[in-house]
Amino acid sequence: MLRSNKEKQNELEFVCIEELVPEDHLLRKVDKHIDFSFITDKVRPLYCENNGRPSIDPVVLFK
C-alpha cells in the first residue's frame, strides 16, 4: 500500500540500549568474559587512514 508521508513526526522517544537487554541475557555474559579488542588490531590494515567515510566500529559489527 502506497502512502504519502506528509505527516510530521511530533514525538521523540529516548531509549537506553542497556535497558533493552535483560541483566541475565547470554550476550551480557559473553561480553563480560571475552575481550573483543583483538578485532580492531586484525582489521586495521583493511581500513584507509586518510580517505573515505568514517567507519562503524568493527567490534560493533562483529558483535
C-alpha atoms as a PDB file:
ATOM      1  CA  MET A   1       0.000   0.000   0.000  1.00  0.00           C
ATOM      2  CA  LEU A   2       1.416   3.359  -1.025  1.00  0.00           C
ATOM      3  CA  ARG A   3       1.009   6.247   1.361  1.00  0.00           C
ATOM      4  CA  SER A   4       2.226   9.784   1.300  1.00  0.00           C
ATOM      5  CA  ASN A   5       4.425  10.749   4.227  1.00  0.00           C
ATOM      6  CA  LYS A   6       3.070  14.273   4.676  1.00  0.00           C
ATOM      7  CA  GLU A   7       2.551  13.952   8.402  1.00  0.00           C
ATOM      8  CA  LYS A   8       5.378  15.212  10.571  1.00  0.00           C
ATOM      9  CA  GLN A   9       6.799  13.268  13.465  1.00  0.00           C
ATOM     10  CA  ASN A  10       5.954  15.189  16.609  1.00  0.00           C
ATOM     11  CA  GLU A  11       7.237  12.818  19.257  1.00  0.00           C
ATOM     12  CA  LEU A  12      10.656  11.584  20.291  1.00  0.00           C
ATOM     13  CA  GLU A  13      11.452   8.633  22.479  1.00  0.00           C
ATOM     14  CA  PHE A  14      14.808   8.254  24.161  1.00  0.00           C
ATOM     15  CA  VAL A  15      15.775   4.644  24.791  1.00  0.00           C
ATOM     16  CA  CYS A  16      18.849   3.375  26.581  1.00  0.00           C
ATOM     17  CA  ILE A  17      20.108   0.265  24.803  1.00  0.00           C
ATOM     18  CA  GLU A  18      21.399  -1.089  28.107  1.00  0.00           C
ATOM     19  CA  GLU A  19      17.834  -1.169  29.400  1.00  0.00           C
ATOM     20  CA  LEU A  20      16.625  -3.216  26.425  1.00  0.00           C
ATOM     21  CA  VAL A  21      18.859  -6.215  27.187  1.00  0.00           C
ATOM     22  CA  PRO A  22      17.983  -8.123  30.373  1.00  0.00           C
ATOM     23  CA  GLU A  23      20.698  -8.390  33.041  1.00  0.00           C
ATOM     24  CA  ASP A  24      20.825 -12.192  32.800  1.00  0.00           C
ATOM     25  CA  HIS A  25      20.996 -12.354  28.988  1.00  0.00           C
ATOM     26  CA  LEU A  26      23.619 -14.660  27.469  1.00  0.00           C
ATOM     27  CA  LEU A  27      25.201 -11.852  25.437  1.00  0.00           C
ATOM     28  CA  ARG A  28      25.944  -9.864  28.606  1.00  0.00           C
ATOM     29  CA  LYS A  29      27.810 -12.877  29.969  1.00  0.00           C
ATOM     30  CA  VAL A  30      29.773 -13.296  26.744  1.00  0.00           C
ATOM     31  CA  ASP A  31      30.674  -9.596  26.700  1.00  0.00           C
ATOM     32  CA  LYS A  32      31.827  -9.765  30.315  1.00  0.00           C
ATOM     33  CA  HIS A  33      34.193 -12.706  29.783  1.00  0.00           C
ATOM     34  CA  ILE A  34      35.566 -12.197  26.268  1.00  0.00           C
ATOM     35  CA  ASP A  35      37.818  -9.321  25.296  1.00  0.00           C
ATOM     36  CA  PHE A  36      36.939  -8.337  21.730  1.00  0.00           C
ATOM     37  CA  SER A  37      39.658  -5.695  21.393  1.00  0.00           C
ATOM     38  CA  PHE A  38      41.723  -8.054  19.200  1.00  0.00           C
ATOM     39  CA  ILE A  39      39.289  -7.398  16.339  1.00  0.00           C
ATOM     40  CA  THR A  40      40.486  -3.813  15.902  1.00  0.00           C
ATOM     41  CA  ASP A  41      44.096  -4.962  15.503  1.00  0.00           C
ATOM     42  CA  LYS A  42      43.096  -7.647  12.992  1.00  0.00           C
ATOM     43  CA  VAL A  43      41.124  -5.299  10.709  1.00  0.00           C
ATOM     44  CA  ARG A  44      43.257  -2.138  10.968  1.00  0.00           C
ATOM     45  CA  PRO A  45      45.197  -2.930   7.731  1.00  0.00           C
ATOM     46  CA  LEU A  46      41.904  -3.204   5.841  1.00  0.00           C
ATOM     47  CA  TYR A  47      40.877   0.407   6.557  1.00  0.00           C
ATOM     48  CA  CYS A  48      42.328   3.508   4.899  1.00  0.00           C
ATOM     49  CA  GLU A  49      43.690   6.045   7.393  1.00  0.00           C
ATOM     50  CA  ASN A  50      43.156   9.185   5.298  1.00  0.00           C
ATOM     51  CA  ASN A  51      40.441   8.521   2.724  1.00  0.00           C
ATOM     52  CA  GLY A  52      36.766   7.595   2.747  1.00  0.00           C
ATOM     53  CA  ARG A  53      33.922   7.886   5.177  1.00  0.00           C
ATOM     54  CA  PRO A  54      34.307   7.250   8.896  1.00  0.00           C
ATOM     55  CA  SER A  55      33.697   3.590   9.603  1.00  0.00           C
ATOM     56  CA  ILE A  56      31.434   1.825  12.052  1.00  0.00           C
ATOM     57  CA  ASP A  57      33.420   0.320  14.901  1.00  0.00           C
ATOM     58  CA  PRO A  58      34.451  -3.184  13.691  1.00  0.00           C
ATOM     59  CA  VAL A  59      33.823  -4.611  17.167  1.00  0.00           C
ATOM     60  CA  VAL A  60      30.215  -3.419  16.974  1.00  0.00           C
ATOM     61  CA  LEU A  61      29.850  -5.016  13.539  1.00  0.00           C
ATOM     62  CA  PHE A  62      31.303  -8.278  14.795  1.00  0.00           C
ATOM     63  CA  LYS A  63      29.098  -8.413  17.867  1.00  0.00           C
END
